[in-house]
Amino acid sequence: MSRRLADAAARAQVSEATVSRVLNGKPGVSAATRERVLTALDVLGYERPVKLRGERARLVGLVLPELQNPIFPALAEVLGANLAQQGLTPVLCTQTAGGVTESEYVDLLLEQQVAGVVFAGGAYAQRDADHAHYDRLAGRNLPVVLINAAIDLPFPRVVCDDADAMEQAAEHLLALGHERIGLVLGPRDHVPSERKLAAFQAVCERSGVPFDEDLVVRSLYSLQSGQASAARLIEQGATGIVCASDPLALGAVRAVRRARLSTPGDVSVVGYDDSAFMAFADPPLTTIRQPIEAMGRAAVDFLVSQIDGTLGPVDELLFEGELVVRRTTGPASQRAKS
């Protein structure tokens, strides 16, 4: 009992005496504090006293692949705020190397009897990954929403249109005179990367620019991987590079500098997300802005509609990204013509 008091007090950021008053139904505790303590008990997996069990607090799992890419903390903030407006409490589940897996998080969330789960990036975006935990969720008829492109699963999806985003980026570079355009994408079985590549090939075909498979590099989603991938593209003579994330693009800018070249004087770089501080990078990054505010609201609306049993047939809701032109893109240089 003493451990339960201490754990719940730490989680709810109140005193153990306050937790004790809530558990014993004593007066002197505000409704907001009481709800915070009860939610803390639910999150920690402690049973409420019989007289307080009633309707379990409505918890929602937010499963994110990482927090190093600034787009994910920003998305979590949007989702959390919209969930709170609906009387739902987010439970953040972040994967780390060697830590709890996505599948294990699903098991933990099911044990906590969550009202639903929102995934923002995960195994559902890779065709060759293990998807058994999604089958468990579907088998329980638990409300689930996926953010961004996925394999065929029975859950609604809120997606930034990868094909349209790639078209905007590629056409921007082509208009600047670039013909040797390289791509830094995710793994071959990564659905958003598949869509980006297909869109790029279509743009090349329409524009009469030869598509060069050697200018497509598969990468992990990190600054270091972006740097290594961009270095290969620079060696292949790329004068423009389109990256599948902002961290990859920042790595590409570093690779250009390491090659004793300049951005955008010698090599132009385009990112994807417009995550925090990209306007303050050196130079400020040209990128595709994901409308995370609108996407976050739509994801929560879909989840609440499932919880309430009012959601009609939904497959995939597409949102358009926006090309934000800053100072990492410019006209193709003399290097492109040599």
Foldseek 3Di string as FASTA:
>chain_A
DVVLLVQLCVQLVHHSVLLVCLLVVHDDDDPVSSVSSQVSCLLVLHDRPPVPPPPRQAEEEEEEAAPPAQLVVVLVVLLQVLCVVVRYHYDYHYDDVVDQAPLNVLVSVVSSVHQAYEYEDDPQQFPPDDDVSLVVCVVVLRQYEYEADGDDGQHEYEHAQLLLQLLVQLVVQVVLVFQLEAEEEADPRGNSRVNSVVSNVVNCVVVVRDDDPQRYHHFDPALCRLLVSLLSSVVVLGQEYEYAADSSQNSNQVNCVVVVHHFNQRHAYEHEAPGPCLVVPVPRHWYWHDPSNVSSNVRVVSRVCSSVVNDDDHYYHYDYTHTDDTGRHHHHHVSNVD
